[in-house]
Amino acid sequence: MLDKNHDNLHDYSLKSILNLVEQNIVNLVLYGNSFTKIKFIDKIINSYTIPIFYVDFDLLFSGYYESGLITKKSNINILRPNEVDFIKIISELLQKTATQQSIVILDSLNGLHSILSHMKDSGRFVDSLIMFLTCNLKFSNSKLFLISLSEKKENQWVLSPIKRHILEIENMNKFQIEESDSKLNIQIL
């Protein structure tokens, strides 16, 4: 498994985080360290028995999952889109999640922007895709986690290192995850 102390959650308990997740469709997770991100995601996926669609743009989670460092679960479906099959994979995701309650994890917004960087107005396309996916998930009472390597710049959260602003949706939960002394700290923003 990941780290012998990765069960330690501080600032907010996992139960209180999951209660917040139930109140809104979209959950923005901001991180600065990739290993901390994996620890948090492991906690989240182990909290659900409904289908989880993990859209892995940076392939870090896939590596941990396939190597057995994250316990494999039968309810996880990992999707690894690239520039060639992006539209096909996202279309299939939309179809599956429209009628079936599920968890969708987009990891990461940085990777999504990278895959679509060849497109004119890719930022608008990403924002529109998130809005469309959010609307689609509402019908099935599903949840969306947007994972983002981020930093604060001029009082706004931006993607690191590309400095794109992050779409903020009304009624969106925002969590900042950090690690200190092998303890996962989650702050609600």
C-alpha atoms as a PDB file:
ATOM      1  CA  MET A   1       0.000   0.000   0.000  1.00  0.00           C
ATOM      2  CA  LEU A   2       0.955   3.644  -0.160  1.00  0.00           C
ATOM      3  CA  ASP A   3       2.221   4.825   3.209  1.00  0.00           C
ATOM      4  CA  LYS A   4       1.672   3.309   6.607  1.00  0.00           C
ATOM      5  CA  ASN A   5       0.316   6.638   7.887  1.00  0.00           C
ATOM      6  CA  HIS A   6      -1.929   7.579   4.979  1.00  0.00           C
ATOM      7  CA  ASP A   7      -5.035   6.978   7.128  1.00  0.00           C
ATOM      8  CA  ASN A   8      -4.411  10.194   9.044  1.00  0.00           C
ATOM      9  CA  LEU A   9      -6.734  12.983   7.917  1.00  0.00           C
ATOM     10  CA  HIS A  10      -6.456  16.343   9.602  1.00  0.00           C
ATOM     11  CA  ASP A  11      -8.399  19.586   9.587  1.00  0.00           C
ATOM     12  CA  TYR A  12     -11.508  17.768   8.345  1.00  0.00           C
ATOM     13  CA  SER A  13     -12.443  14.123   8.741  1.00  0.00           C
ATOM     14  CA  LEU A  14     -13.121  11.936   5.733  1.00  0.00           C
ATOM     15  CA  LYS A  15     -16.728  11.613   6.897  1.00  0.00           C
ATOM     16  CA  SER A  16     -17.233  15.391   6.890  1.00  0.00           C
ATOM     17  CA  ILE A  17     -15.602  15.641   3.446  1.00  0.00           C
ATOM     18  CA  LEU A  18     -17.922  12.931   2.068  1.00  0.00           C
ATOM     19  CA  ASN A  19     -20.929  14.714   3.598  1.00  0.00           C
ATOM     20  CA  LEU A  20     -19.936  17.848   1.680  1.00  0.00           C
ATOM     21  CA  VAL A  21     -19.455  15.838  -1.512  1.00  0.00           C
ATOM     22  CA  GLU A  22     -23.051  14.627  -1.211  1.00  0.00           C
ATOM     23  CA  GLN A  23     -24.329  18.222  -1.244  1.00  0.00           C
ATOM     24  CA  ASN A  24     -22.845  19.213  -4.625  1.00  0.00           C
ATOM     25  CA  ILE A  25     -22.040  17.557  -7.926  1.00  0.00           C
ATOM     26  CA  VAL A  26     -18.637  19.148  -8.548  1.00  0.00           C
ATOM     27  CA  ASN A  27     -15.648  18.809  -6.238  1.00  0.00           C
ATOM     28  CA  LEU A  28     -12.447  20.654  -7.070  1.00  0.00           C
ATOM     29  CA  VAL A  29      -9.352  19.136  -5.455  1.00  0.00           C
ATOM     30  CA  LEU A  30      -6.259  21.343  -5.476  1.00  0.00           C
ATOM     31  CA  TYR A  31      -2.864  19.833  -4.736  1.00  0.00           C
ATOM     32  CA  GLY A  32       0.806  20.696  -4.924  1.00  0.00           C
ATOM     33  CA  ASN A  33       2.329  17.230  -4.493  1.00  0.00           C
ATOM     34  CA  SER A  34       1.427  14.264  -6.691  1.00  0.00           C
ATOM     35  CA  PHE A  35       1.994  11.644  -3.993  1.00  0.00           C
ATOM     36  CA  THR A  36      -0.402  13.524  -1.678  1.00  0.00           C
ATOM     37  CA  LYS A  37      -2.954  13.546  -4.492  1.00  0.00           C
ATOM     38  CA  ILE A  38      -2.730   9.764  -4.823  1.00  0.00           C
ATOM     39  CA  LYS A  39      -3.222   9.300  -1.068  1.00  0.00           C
ATOM     40  CA  PHE A  40      -6.351  11.467  -1.122  1.00  0.00           C
ATOM     41  CA  ILE A  41      -7.800   9.755  -4.187  1.00  0.00           C
ATOM     42  CA  ASP A  42      -7.173   6.354  -2.608  1.00  0.00           C
ATOM     43  CA  LYS A  43      -9.258   7.489   0.376  1.00  0.00           C
ATOM     44  CA  ILE A  44     -12.059   8.709  -1.882  1.00  0.00           C
ATOM     45  CA  ILE A  45     -12.271   5.606  -4.065  1.00  0.00           C
ATOM     46  CA  ASN A  46     -12.275   3.329  -1.027  1.00  0.00           C
ATOM     47  CA  SER A  47     -15.307   5.223   0.292  1.00  0.00           C
ATOM     48  CA  TYR A  48     -17.585   4.257  -2.600  1.00  0.00           C
ATOM     49  CA  THR A  49     -19.093   1.034  -3.904  1.00  0.00           C
ATOM     50  CA  ILE A  50     -20.858   2.630  -6.892  1.00  0.00           C
ATOM     51  CA  PRO A  51     -19.043   2.674 -10.265  1.00  0.00           C
ATOM     52  CA  ILE A  52     -16.023   4.961 -10.432  1.00  0.00           C
ATOM     53  CA  PHE A  53     -14.827   6.239 -13.798  1.00  0.00           C
ATOM     54  CA  TYR A  54     -11.268   7.427 -13.409  1.00  0.00           C
ATOM     55  CA  VAL A  55     -10.200   9.548 -16.373  1.00  0.00           C
ATOM     56  CA  ASP A  56      -6.424   9.486 -16.063  1.00  0.00           C
ATOM     57  CA  PHE A  57      -4.722  12.115 -18.201  1.00  0.00           C
ATOM     58  CA  ASP A  58      -1.360  12.100 -16.424  1.00  0.00           C
ATOM     59  CA  LEU A  59      -1.241   8.284 -15.939  1.00  0.00           C
ATOM     60  CA  LEU A  60       0.171   8.532 -12.402  1.00  0.00           C
ATOM     61  CA  PHE A  61      -2.853   6.882 -10.793  1.00  0.00           C
ATOM     62  CA  SER A  62      -2.827   4.154 -13.453  1.00  0.00           C
ATOM     63  CA  GLY A  63       0.780   3.368 -12.611  1.00  0.00           C
ATOM     64  CA  TYR A  64       0.076   3.016  -8.902  1.00  0.00           C
ATOM     65  CA  TYR A  65      -3.101   1.025  -9.581  1.00  0.00           C
ATOM     66  CA  GLU A  66      -1.582  -1.393 -12.091  1.00  0.00           C
ATOM     67  CA  SER A  67       1.500  -1.959  -9.917  1.00  0.00           C
ATOM     68  CA  GLY A  68      -0.684  -2.860  -6.932  1.00  0.00           C
ATOM     69  CA  LEU A  69       0.349   0.102  -4.778  1.00  0.00           C
ATOM     70  CA  ILE A  70      -3.346   1.020  -4.753  1.00  0.00           C
ATOM     71  CA  THR A  71      -5.708  -1.830  -3.994  1.00  0.00           C
ATOM     72  CA  LYS A  72      -7.642  -2.858  -7.085  1.00  0.00           C
ATOM     73  CA  LYS A  73     -11.418  -2.665  -6.804  1.00  0.00           C
ATOM     74  CA  SER A  74     -14.032  -4.133  -9.118  1.00  0.00           C
ATOM     75  CA  ASN A  75     -16.001  -0.860  -9.317  1.00  0.00           C
ATOM     76  CA  ILE A  76     -13.148   1.172 -10.872  1.00  0.00           C
ATOM     77  CA  ASN A  77     -12.946   1.702 -14.613  1.00  0.00           C
ATOM     78  CA  ILE A  78      -9.784   3.553 -15.641  1.00  0.00           C
ATOM     79  CA  LEU A  79      -9.976   5.553 -18.860  1.00  0.00           C
ATOM     80  CA  ARG A  80      -6.767   6.836 -20.462  1.00  0.00           C
ATOM     81  CA  PRO A  81      -7.710   9.261 -23.238  1.00  0.00           C
ATOM     82  CA  ASN A  82      -5.193  10.785 -25.600  1.00  0.00           C
ATOM     83  CA  GLU A  83      -5.494  13.229 -28.507  1.00  0.00           C
ATOM     84  CA  VAL A  84      -6.622  10.452 -30.871  1.00  0.00           C
ATOM     85  CA  ASP A  85      -9.397   8.792 -28.847  1.00  0.00           C
ATOM     86  CA  PHE A  86     -10.430  11.660 -26.537  1.00  0.00           C
ATOM     87  CA  ILE A  87     -13.845  12.321 -28.134  1.00  0.00           C
ATOM     88  CA  LYS A  88     -14.730   8.615 -28.269  1.00  0.00           C
ATOM     89  CA  ILE A  89     -13.799   8.008 -24.597  1.00  0.00           C
ATOM     90  CA  ILE A  90     -15.618  11.111 -23.327  1.00  0.00           C
ATOM     91  CA  SER A  91     -18.722  10.221 -25.392  1.00  0.00           C
ATOM     92  CA  GLU A  92     -18.794   6.736 -23.879  1.00  0.00           C
ATOM     93  CA  LEU A  93     -18.309   8.229 -20.405  1.00  0.00           C
ATOM     94  CA  LEU A  94     -21.256  10.574 -20.929  1.00  0.00           C
ATOM     95  CA  GLN A  95     -23.459   7.685 -22.034  1.00  0.00           C
ATOM     96  CA  LYS A  96     -22.530   5.465 -19.074  1.00  0.00           C
ATOM     97  CA  THR A  97     -22.941   8.153 -16.435  1.00  0.00           C
ATOM     98  CA  ALA A  98     -26.214   9.624 -17.734  1.00  0.00           C
ATOM     99  CA  THR A  99     -28.339   6.841 -16.273  1.00  0.00           C
ATOM    100  CA  GLN A 100     -26.101   5.205 -13.682  1.00  0.00           C
ATOM    101  CA  GLN A 101     -25.103   6.833 -10.397  1.00  0.00           C
ATOM    102  CA  SER A 102     -21.343   6.992 -10.380  1.00  0.00           C
ATOM    103  CA  ILE A 103     -18.227   8.898  -9.427  1.00  0.00           C
ATOM    104  CA  VAL A 104     -16.201  10.540 -12.186  1.00  0.00           C
ATOM    105  CA  ILE A 105     -12.652  11.617 -11.424  1.00  0.00           C
ATOM    106  CA  LEU A 106     -10.860  13.804 -13.981  1.00  0.00           C
ATOM    107  CA  ASP A 107      -7.158  13.627 -13.171  1.00  0.00           C
ATOM    108  CA  SER A 108      -5.989  16.139 -13.897  1.00  0.00           C
ATOM    109  CA  LEU A 109      -7.265  19.390 -15.327  1.00  0.00           C
ATOM    110  CA  ASN A 110      -3.641  20.093 -16.211  1.00  0.00           C
ATOM    111  CA  GLY A 111      -3.495  16.912 -18.313  1.00  0.00           C
ATOM    112  CA  LEU A 112      -6.850  17.659 -19.930  1.00  0.00           C
ATOM    113  CA  HIS A 113      -5.611  21.090 -21.002  1.00  0.00           C
ATOM    114  CA  SER A 114      -2.404  19.510 -22.279  1.00  0.00           C
ATOM    115  CA  ILE A 115      -4.220  16.947 -24.438  1.00  0.00           C
ATOM    116  CA  LEU A 116      -6.391  19.672 -25.959  1.00  0.00           C
ATOM    117  CA  SER A 117      -3.701  22.351 -26.298  1.00  0.00           C
ATOM    118  CA  HIS A 118      -3.606  21.912 -30.087  1.00  0.00           C
ATOM    119  CA  MET A 119      -7.199  23.185 -30.328  1.00  0.00           C
ATOM    120  CA  LYS A 120      -8.048  26.812 -30.845  1.00  0.00           C
ATOM    121  CA  ASP A 121      -9.861  28.075 -27.731  1.00  0.00           C
ATOM    122  CA  SER A 122      -9.033  24.889 -25.824  1.00  0.00           C
ATOM    123  CA  GLY A 123      -9.690  26.664 -22.512  1.00  0.00           C
ATOM    124  CA  ARG A 124     -13.280  27.409 -23.512  1.00  0.00           C
ATOM    125  CA  PHE A 125     -13.705  23.843 -24.715  1.00  0.00           C
ATOM    126  CA  VAL A 126     -12.485  22.472 -21.363  1.00  0.00           C
ATOM    127  CA  ASP A 127     -14.836  24.794 -19.440  1.00  0.00           C
ATOM    128  CA  SER A 128     -17.764  23.815 -21.689  1.00  0.00           C
ATOM    129  CA  LEU A 129     -16.955  20.133 -21.325  1.00  0.00           C
ATOM    130  CA  ILE A 130     -16.937  20.429 -17.534  1.00  0.00           C
ATOM    131  CA  MET A 131     -20.272  22.264 -17.568  1.00  0.00           C
ATOM    132  CA  PHE A 132     -21.790  19.665 -19.916  1.00  0.00           C
ATOM    133  CA  LEU A 133     -20.452  16.774 -17.857  1.00  0.00           C
ATOM    134  CA  THR A 134     -21.803  18.396 -14.686  1.00  0.00           C
ATOM    135  CA  CYS A 135     -25.246  18.757 -16.231  1.00  0.00           C
ATOM    136  CA  ASN A 136     -25.152  15.146 -17.414  1.00  0.00           C
ATOM    137  CA  LEU A 137     -24.146  13.859 -13.972  1.00  0.00           C
ATOM    138  CA  LYS A 138     -26.991  15.739 -12.323  1.00  0.00           C
ATOM    139  CA  PHE A 139     -29.532  13.396 -13.944  1.00  0.00           C
ATOM    140  CA  SER A 140     -27.998  10.313 -12.331  1.00  0.00           C
ATOM    141  CA  ASN A 141     -27.139  11.940  -8.982  1.00  0.00           C
ATOM    142  CA  SER A 142     -23.462  11.344  -9.705  1.00  0.00           C
ATOM    143  CA  LYS A 143     -20.386  13.220  -8.468  1.00  0.00           C
ATOM    144  CA  LEU A 144     -17.450  14.782 -10.296  1.00  0.00           C
ATOM    145  CA  PHE A 145     -13.966  15.251  -8.856  1.00  0.00           C
ATOM    146  CA  LEU A 146     -11.736  17.678 -10.747  1.00  0.00           C
ATOM    147  CA  ILE A 147      -8.143  17.162  -9.682  1.00  0.00           C
ATOM    148  CA  SER A 148      -5.724  20.019 -10.306  1.00  0.00           C
ATOM    149  CA  LEU A 149      -2.068  20.795  -9.673  1.00  0.00           C
ATOM    150  CA  SER A 150      -2.637  24.394  -8.655  1.00  0.00           C
ATOM    151  CA  GLU A 151      -1.300  27.488  -7.015  1.00  0.00           C
ATOM    152  CA  LYS A 152      -2.816  30.754  -5.898  1.00  0.00           C
ATOM    153  CA  LYS A 153      -1.959  33.779  -8.036  1.00  0.00           C
ATOM    154  CA  GLU A 154      -3.444  37.211  -7.348  1.00  0.00           C
ATOM    155  CA  ASN A 155      -6.160  35.677  -5.118  1.00  0.00           C
ATOM    156  CA  GLN A 156      -7.267  33.219  -7.807  1.00  0.00           C
ATOM    157  CA  TRP A 157      -6.465  29.548  -8.223  1.00  0.00           C
ATOM    158  CA  VAL A 158      -4.592  28.764 -11.423  1.00  0.00           C
ATOM    159  CA  LEU A 159      -3.238  25.591 -12.950  1.00  0.00           C
ATOM    160  CA  SER A 160       0.464  25.022 -12.405  1.00  0.00           C
ATOM    161  CA  PRO A 161       2.621  25.664 -14.375  1.00  0.00           C
ATOM    162  CA  ILE A 162       0.437  26.904 -17.263  1.00  0.00           C
ATOM    163  CA  LYS A 163      -1.307  29.599 -15.158  1.00  0.00           C
ATOM    164  CA  ARG A 164      -4.760  29.040 -16.676  1.00  0.00           C
ATOM    165  CA  HIS A 165      -7.602  30.109 -14.413  1.00  0.00           C
ATOM    166  CA  ILE A 166      -9.731  27.319 -13.027  1.00  0.00           C
ATOM    167  CA  LEU A 167     -13.428  27.384 -13.796  1.00  0.00           C
ATOM    168  CA  GLU A 168     -15.367  27.928 -10.598  1.00  0.00           C
ATOM    169  CA  ILE A 169     -18.925  26.699 -10.647  1.00  0.00           C
ATOM    170  CA  GLU A 170     -21.642  27.773  -8.254  1.00  0.00           C
ATOM    171  CA  ASN A 171     -22.236  25.144  -5.572  1.00  0.00           C
ATOM    172  CA  MET A 172     -18.836  23.548  -6.088  1.00  0.00           C
ATOM    173  CA  ASN A 173     -16.849  22.107  -3.202  1.00  0.00           C
ATOM    174  CA  LYS A 174     -13.200  23.162  -3.137  1.00  0.00           C
ATOM    175  CA  PHE A 175     -10.615  21.181  -1.216  1.00  0.00           C
ATOM    176  CA  GLN A 176      -6.931  21.857  -0.832  1.00  0.00           C
ATOM    177  CA  ILE A 177      -4.865  18.830   0.100  1.00  0.00           C
ATOM    178  CA  GLU A 178      -1.409  18.928   1.608  1.00  0.00           C
ATOM    179  CA  GLU A 179       0.753  16.604   3.599  1.00  0.00           C
ATOM    180  CA  SER A 180       2.758  17.312   6.701  1.00  0.00           C
ATOM    181  CA  ASP A 181       4.626  14.767   8.820  1.00  0.00           C
ATOM    182  CA  SER A 182       3.061  11.925   6.764  1.00  0.00           C
ATOM    183  CA  LYS A 183      -0.412  13.215   7.632  1.00  0.00           C
ATOM    184  CA  LEU A 184      -2.919  14.179   4.982  1.00  0.00           C
ATOM    185  CA  ASN A 185      -4.382  17.632   5.622  1.00  0.00           C
ATOM    186  CA  ILE A 186      -7.585  18.606   3.855  1.00  0.00           C
ATOM    187  CA  GLN A 187      -8.834  22.153   3.936  1.00  0.00           C
ATOM    188  CA  ILE A 188     -12.165  23.326   2.660  1.00  0.00           C
ATOM    189  CA  LEU A 189     -11.865  26.545   0.665  1.00  0.00           C
END
